[in-house]
Amino acid sequence: MKLLLIGAGGVGVYFCGRAALGGAALEVVARSGAESIRAHGYRVRSIAGDFTLRPARVLSSPAECSPDIDAIVMATKVLPEIDRVKLLTPAAALLSRPPIVLIQNGIEIEEEIASAFPENPLISAVAYIGVSREAPDRIEHHGSGRLIMGPYRPAEMNAAERVAEVFRRGAVECAVTSDIALERWRKLLWNLPFNSVSVLSGGLNTREMCDGGRVERLCRELMREVIAAARAAGVELTEDMARAQLQYTRDFPPYLTSMAQDYQAGRPLEVEAIVGNMVAGACRRGVETPLALCCAKLLRRMDAANRGKTGRETDAGLVK
């Protein structure tokens, strides 16, 4: 299978790099360090074994992709200033309706893409991984490394199975589910509390946030708000799922969350995808989420101040 990766950050490069080790041909849209990547590839230091990814082609735009791409993997951040439809359109116009795979954070992020590309199978994927992009051509993989994916439209299950098999051939644990909405909400049980608290606390890592004290209790209360919001949306999250996410975090190597990494580097934060969408949905359904609302307001303010302080371009957060 031939893959096109849009969003060549840590998450996209790691998973698509593993797929390439398993035999997939990979074309990558690289917005920085393209010449070095063409010459030397990506260096990936991984707890599962170091490797060098040498893409079949390194592109400056999705419009340059080969006409026989079998699947498009989008691993950009979900930010208001990133027009995902605009990024996908040049490749979608060239290709014969390949599946679009969203390896992205957040809930309720699929409909925009589904509406714009109704004839392309849409595969939604949740990633559990600790990974960071240390330089344009250098990735550090710290922990975990599995995917859960499923079709956004039930009739496209076969497409999801075909894509999952590509990652499995690269030794990625990749499960396929018929209820990807549940898995996105389950991931939000982790993403919302730990990403938010890591930034608002001044950079606590995952081990420090599971200290058994006040910080962990705050994370637990945020999880309870996620459960309430999910149930109002018709998704049955449970306290057992929350306990499992806490245990997963305790067992994980100490890690600075992706949102805290972004904040410290002056990159835009995925406030709306991870926090704002949940708060807005809960409000529409008459569910109060006061702690998450407080987090959203503070994170928006910190994000705006951080962007003004660094003076970075709005596309600086294109990749994770």
Protein backbone atom coordinates (compact mmCIF):
# COMPACT_ATOMS: atom_id res chain seq x y z
CA MET A 1 0.00 0.00 0.00
CA LYS A 2 1.18 3.52 -0.79
CA LEU A 3 0.53 6.12 1.93
CA LEU A 4 0.57 9.92 1.86
CA LEU A 5 1.32 11.55 5.24
CA ILE A 6 0.10 15.10 5.86
CA GLY A 7 1.36 16.32 9.23
CA ALA A 8 4.88 14.98 9.66
CA GLY A 9 5.24 15.41 13.41
CA GLY A 10 6.10 12.82 16.01
CA VAL A 11 2.83 10.90 15.85
CA GLY A 12 2.57 10.77 12.07
CA VAL A 13 6.22 9.97 11.43
CA TYR A 14 6.32 7.24 14.08
CA PHE A 15 3.23 5.32 12.97
CA CYS A 16 3.76 5.79 9.23
CA GLY A 17 7.44 5.00 9.71
CA ARG A 18 6.48 1.68 11.27
CA ALA A 19 4.12 1.05 8.36
CA ALA A 20 7.01 1.73 5.96
CA LEU A 21 9.19 -0.78 7.84
CA GLY A 22 6.38 -3.26 7.23
CA GLY A 23 6.49 -2.69 3.48
CA ALA A 24 4.30 0.34 2.80
CA ALA A 25 5.58 2.99 0.38
CA LEU A 26 5.40 6.39 2.10
CA GLU A 27 5.23 9.90 0.70
CA VAL A 28 5.58 12.70 3.27
CA VAL A 29 4.62 16.37 3.11
CA ALA A 30 7.44 18.09 5.00
CA ARG A 31 7.15 21.78 5.80
CA SER A 32 10.58 22.06 7.41
CA GLY A 33 13.90 20.27 7.00
CA ALA A 34 12.89 18.79 3.64
CA GLU A 35 16.42 18.70 2.19
CA SER A 36 17.87 16.97 5.24
CA ILE A 37 15.00 14.48 5.27
CA ARG A 38 15.53 13.73 1.57
CA ALA A 39 19.23 13.17 2.19
CA HIS A 40 19.19 11.32 5.51
CA GLY A 41 15.59 10.42 6.36
CA TYR A 42 14.01 10.65 9.80
CA ARG A 43 15.95 9.31 12.78
CA VAL A 44 13.55 7.69 15.23
CA ARG A 45 14.79 6.76 18.70
CA SER A 46 12.23 4.35 20.08
CA ILE A 47 11.65 2.19 23.12
CA ALA A 48 10.54 -0.44 20.60
CA GLY A 49 13.83 -0.22 18.66
CA ASP A 50 15.50 2.67 16.84
CA PHE A 51 15.05 3.01 13.09
CA THR A 52 15.62 5.41 10.22
CA LEU A 53 12.67 6.25 8.01
CA ARG A 54 13.55 7.09 4.43
CA PRO A 55 10.33 8.14 2.67
CA ALA A 56 9.88 7.16 -0.95
CA ARG A 57 9.22 10.84 -1.67
CA VAL A 58 9.42 14.06 0.39
CA LEU A 59 6.95 16.67 -0.85
CA SER A 60 6.46 20.37 -0.20
CA SER A 61 2.72 20.17 -0.89
CA PRO A 62 0.02 17.45 -0.98
CA ALA A 63 -0.57 18.44 -4.63
CA GLU A 64 2.79 16.84 -5.51
CA CYS A 65 1.76 13.33 -4.46
CA SER A 66 1.80 10.35 -6.80
CA PRO A 67 -1.47 9.57 -8.59
CA ASP A 68 -1.65 6.03 -7.16
CA ILE A 69 -1.79 6.80 -3.42
CA ASP A 70 -3.87 4.17 -1.60
CA ALA A 71 -4.59 6.07 1.63
CA ILE A 72 -4.08 9.59 3.00
CA VAL A 73 -3.00 9.83 6.64
CA MET A 74 -3.70 13.20 8.26
CA ALA A 75 -1.80 13.71 11.53
CA THR A 76 -1.90 17.50 11.84
CA LYS A 77 -3.07 19.23 14.96
CA VAL A 78 -6.75 20.17 15.08
CA LEU A 79 -6.50 23.94 15.32
CA PRO A 80 -8.93 26.65 14.14
CA GLU A 81 -6.28 28.17 11.89
CA ILE A 82 -5.44 24.90 10.15
CA ASP A 83 -7.84 24.34 7.25
CA ARG A 84 -7.82 20.56 7.05
CA VAL A 85 -10.15 20.50 4.06
CA LYS A 86 -7.85 22.86 2.16
CA LEU A 87 -4.86 20.67 2.97
CA LEU A 88 -6.61 17.52 1.78
CA THR A 89 -8.25 18.93 -1.35
CA PRO A 90 -5.21 18.96 -3.71
CA ALA A 91 -4.47 15.30 -3.08
CA ALA A 92 -8.12 14.27 -3.09
CA ALA A 93 -8.57 15.97 -6.47
CA LEU A 94 -5.71 13.93 -7.97
CA LEU A 95 -6.58 10.56 -6.50
CA SER A 96 -9.32 8.01 -6.96
CA ARG A 97 -11.20 8.34 -3.64
CA PRO A 98 -8.62 6.76 -1.28
CA PRO A 99 -9.46 6.36 2.41
CA ILE A 100 -8.66 9.37 4.59
CA VAL A 101 -7.23 8.36 7.98
CA LEU A 102 -7.43 10.93 10.80
CA ILE A 103 -4.84 10.24 13.51
CA GLN A 104 -5.82 13.30 15.51
CA ASN A 105 -6.92 14.38 18.96
CA GLY A 106 -10.35 15.41 20.14
CA ILE A 107 -14.02 14.62 19.76
CA GLU A 108 -16.50 15.60 17.04
CA ILE A 109 -13.68 16.32 14.58
CA GLU A 110 -14.79 14.08 11.69
CA GLU A 111 -17.93 15.69 10.27
CA GLU A 112 -16.07 18.54 8.55
CA ILE A 113 -13.97 16.03 6.59
CA ALA A 114 -16.86 13.65 5.95
CA SER A 115 -18.94 16.46 4.46
CA ALA A 116 -16.13 17.74 2.25
CA PHE A 117 -15.14 14.30 0.92
CA PRO A 118 -18.30 12.15 0.97
CA GLU A 119 -16.95 9.63 -1.54
CA ASN A 120 -13.73 8.90 0.38
CA PRO A 121 -13.91 6.27 3.13
CA LEU A 122 -13.19 8.09 6.39
CA ILE A 123 -11.20 6.23 9.04
CA SER A 124 -10.95 7.84 12.47
CA ALA A 125 -8.00 6.79 14.65
CA VAL A 126 -7.02 7.29 18.28
CA ALA A 127 -3.32 7.09 19.18
CA TYR A 128 -1.90 6.06 22.55
CA ILE A 129 1.74 7.08 22.44
CA GLY A 130 4.36 9.23 24.11
CA VAL A 131 6.37 10.83 21.32
CA SER A 132 8.04 14.16 20.62
CA ARG A 133 9.62 15.82 17.62
CA GLU A 134 13.03 17.02 18.78
CA ALA A 135 14.08 18.41 15.38
CA PRO A 136 12.59 18.38 11.86
CA ASP A 137 14.29 15.05 11.16
CA ARG A 138 14.51 13.58 14.69
CA ILE A 139 11.73 11.82 16.65
CA GLU A 140 11.84 10.52 20.24
CA HIS A 141 9.41 7.71 21.11
CA HIS A 142 9.06 7.45 24.89
CA GLY A 143 6.18 5.07 25.60
CA SER A 144 3.26 2.99 24.34
CA GLY A 145 2.56 3.15 20.59
CA ARG A 146 -0.82 1.68 19.65
CA LEU A 147 -3.73 2.70 17.48
CA ILE A 148 -7.46 2.13 17.68
CA MET A 149 -9.30 2.95 14.48
CA GLY A 150 -12.72 2.57 13.00
CA PRO A 151 -14.93 3.80 10.18
CA TYR A 152 -16.81 7.05 10.64
CA ARG A 153 -19.55 5.54 8.47
CA PRO A 154 -20.44 1.93 9.40
CA ALA A 155 -20.42 0.68 5.81
CA GLU A 156 -16.68 1.40 5.52
CA MET A 157 -15.46 -1.23 7.99
CA ASN A 158 -13.56 -3.13 5.26
CA ALA A 159 -11.53 -0.02 4.45
CA ALA A 160 -10.62 0.34 8.13
CA GLU A 161 -9.47 -3.29 8.27
CA ARG A 162 -7.27 -2.84 5.19
CA VAL A 163 -5.62 0.27 6.63
CA ALA A 164 -5.12 -1.36 10.04
CA GLU A 165 -3.33 -4.29 8.44
CA VAL A 166 -0.77 -1.91 6.91
CA PHE A 167 0.21 -0.69 10.39
CA ARG A 168 0.17 -4.19 11.88
CA ARG A 169 2.73 -5.31 9.28
CA GLY A 170 5.02 -2.66 10.78
CA ALA A 171 4.58 -4.18 14.27
CA VAL A 172 2.08 -1.54 15.44
CA GLU A 173 -0.65 -2.79 17.76
CA CYS A 174 -3.70 -1.63 15.82
CA ALA A 175 -7.24 -2.57 16.83
CA VAL A 176 -10.35 -1.94 14.73
CA THR A 177 -13.64 -0.99 16.33
CA SER A 178 -17.17 -0.42 15.08
CA ASP A 179 -17.65 2.32 17.71
CA ILE A 180 -14.88 4.86 17.20
CA ALA A 181 -16.93 7.55 18.99
CA LEU A 182 -16.63 5.54 22.21
CA GLU A 183 -12.86 5.26 21.75
CA ARG A 184 -12.50 8.99 21.11
CA TRP A 185 -14.39 9.74 24.32
CA ARG A 186 -12.35 7.11 26.17
CA LYS A 187 -9.16 8.85 25.02
CA LEU A 188 -10.61 12.18 26.12
CA LEU A 189 -10.72 10.72 29.65
CA TRP A 190 -6.93 10.97 29.45
CA ASN A 191 -6.41 13.88 27.10
CA LEU A 192 -8.58 16.46 28.82
CA PRO A 193 -7.34 16.17 32.40
CA PHE A 194 -3.67 15.40 31.81
CA ASN A 195 -3.03 17.81 28.94
CA SER A 196 -4.89 20.63 30.68
CA VAL A 197 -3.35 20.14 34.10
CA SER A 198 0.16 19.71 32.72
CA VAL A 199 -0.01 23.18 31.16
CA LEU A 200 -1.88 24.91 33.97
CA SER A 201 0.46 23.45 36.61
CA GLY A 202 3.54 24.86 34.93
CA GLY A 203 4.76 21.65 33.31
CA LEU A 204 4.10 18.67 35.59
CA ASN A 205 4.83 15.34 33.90
CA THR A 206 2.53 12.32 33.91
CA ARG A 207 4.17 10.71 36.94
CA GLU A 208 3.88 13.93 38.96
CA MET A 209 0.19 14.26 38.08
CA CYS A 210 -0.47 10.76 39.46
CA ASP A 211 0.95 11.62 42.86
CA GLY A 212 -2.00 10.36 44.90
CA GLY A 213 -2.57 13.88 46.19
CA ARG A 214 -4.38 17.05 45.18
CA VAL A 215 -3.26 17.08 41.55
CA GLU A 216 -4.43 13.53 40.97
CA ARG A 217 -7.74 14.35 42.66
CA LEU A 218 -8.18 17.27 40.26
CA CYS A 219 -7.55 14.93 37.31
CA ARG A 220 -10.12 12.51 38.72
CA GLU A 221 -12.74 15.25 39.01
CA LEU A 222 -12.09 16.31 35.41
CA MET A 223 -12.54 12.69 34.36
CA ARG A 224 -15.93 12.65 36.10
CA GLU A 225 -16.98 15.67 34.07
CA VAL A 226 -15.90 13.91 30.86
CA ILE A 227 -18.00 10.88 31.85
CA ALA A 228 -21.05 13.08 32.48
CA ALA A 229 -20.63 14.90 29.16
CA ALA A 230 -20.17 11.64 27.27
CA ARG A 231 -23.27 10.06 28.77
CA ALA A 232 -25.30 13.13 27.81
CA ALA A 233 -24.01 12.63 24.25
CA GLY A 234 -25.12 8.98 24.28
CA VAL A 235 -21.67 7.48 24.90
CA GLU A 236 -21.44 5.22 27.94
CA LEU A 237 -18.14 5.95 29.63
CA THR A 238 -17.63 4.36 33.05
CA GLU A 239 -15.66 4.89 36.24
CA ASP A 240 -13.77 1.68 35.44
CA MET A 241 -12.54 3.28 32.21
CA ALA A 242 -11.33 6.29 34.19
CA ARG A 243 -9.50 4.04 36.67
CA ALA A 244 -7.89 2.19 33.75
CA GLN A 245 -6.64 5.47 32.28
CA LEU A 246 -5.14 6.46 35.62
CA GLN A 247 -3.38 3.12 35.92
CA TYR A 248 -2.12 3.43 32.34
CA THR A 249 -0.63 6.79 33.30
CA ARG A 250 1.03 5.43 36.45
CA ASP A 251 2.61 2.62 34.41
CA PHE A 252 3.78 5.01 31.69
CA PRO A 253 7.34 6.40 31.78
CA PRO A 254 7.32 9.99 33.15
CA TYR A 255 6.37 12.11 30.17
CA LEU A 256 5.59 15.75 29.46
CA THR A 257 2.24 15.83 27.66
CA SER A 258 2.04 17.03 24.07
CA MET A 259 0.10 20.15 25.07
CA ALA A 260 2.73 21.08 27.66
CA GLN A 261 5.47 20.51 25.08
CA ASP A 262 3.62 22.78 22.67
CA TYR A 263 3.12 25.47 25.29
CA GLN A 264 6.77 25.48 26.31
CA ALA A 265 7.84 25.68 22.66
CA GLY A 266 5.42 28.53 21.92
CA ARG A 267 3.28 26.44 19.57
CA PRO A 268 -0.53 26.75 19.34
CA LEU A 269 -2.56 24.54 21.68
CA GLU A 270 -5.40 22.19 20.73
CA VAL A 271 -7.70 23.79 23.28
CA GLU A 272 -10.94 23.47 21.32
CA ALA A 273 -10.48 19.89 20.07
CA ILE A 274 -9.50 18.58 23.50
CA VAL A 275 -11.46 20.82 25.91
CA GLY A 276 -13.68 23.33 24.13
CA ASN A 277 -15.68 20.83 22.06
CA MET A 278 -16.57 18.83 25.15
CA VAL A 279 -17.57 21.89 27.17
CA ALA A 280 -19.72 23.26 24.33
CA GLY A 281 -21.45 19.93 23.77
CA ALA A 282 -22.13 19.51 27.47
CA CYS A 283 -23.60 23.00 27.64
CA ARG A 284 -25.93 22.28 24.71
CA ARG A 285 -27.14 19.17 26.51
CA GLY A 286 -27.66 20.87 29.85
CA VAL A 287 -24.67 19.30 31.63
CA GLU A 288 -22.47 21.47 33.81
CA THR A 289 -18.70 20.97 33.57
CA PRO A 290 -17.32 23.80 35.72
CA LEU A 291 -13.75 22.51 36.06
CA ALA A 292 -13.39 21.84 32.34
CA LEU A 293 -14.91 25.24 31.56
CA CYS A 294 -12.35 26.85 33.85
CA CYS A 295 -9.56 24.92 32.13
CA ALA A 296 -10.82 26.00 28.70
CA LYS A 297 -10.92 29.68 29.67
CA LEU A 298 -7.46 29.63 31.24
CA LEU A 299 -5.90 27.64 28.40
CA ARG A 300 -7.37 29.98 25.78
CA ARG A 301 -5.89 32.95 27.62
CA MET A 302 -2.49 31.28 28.01
CA ASP A 303 -2.52 30.18 24.38
CA ALA A 304 -3.28 33.68 23.14
CA ALA A 305 -0.60 35.24 25.35
CA ASN A 306 1.92 32.59 24.34
CA ARG A 307 1.35 33.18 20.65
CA GLY A 308 1.72 36.92 21.08
CA LYS A 309 4.88 36.47 23.14
CA THR A 310 6.61 34.20 20.62
CA GLY A 311 5.41 35.92 17.44
CA ARG A 312 5.26 32.58 15.66
CA GLU A 313 3.34 32.12 12.41
CA THR A 314 -0.08 30.53 12.76
CA ASP A 315 0.99 27.38 10.93
CA ALA A 316 3.81 26.74 13.42
CA GLY A 317 1.59 24.18 15.12
CA LEU A 318 0.83 22.23 11.96
CA VAL A 319 2.47 19.08 13.28
CA LYS A 320 2.47 17.39 16.64
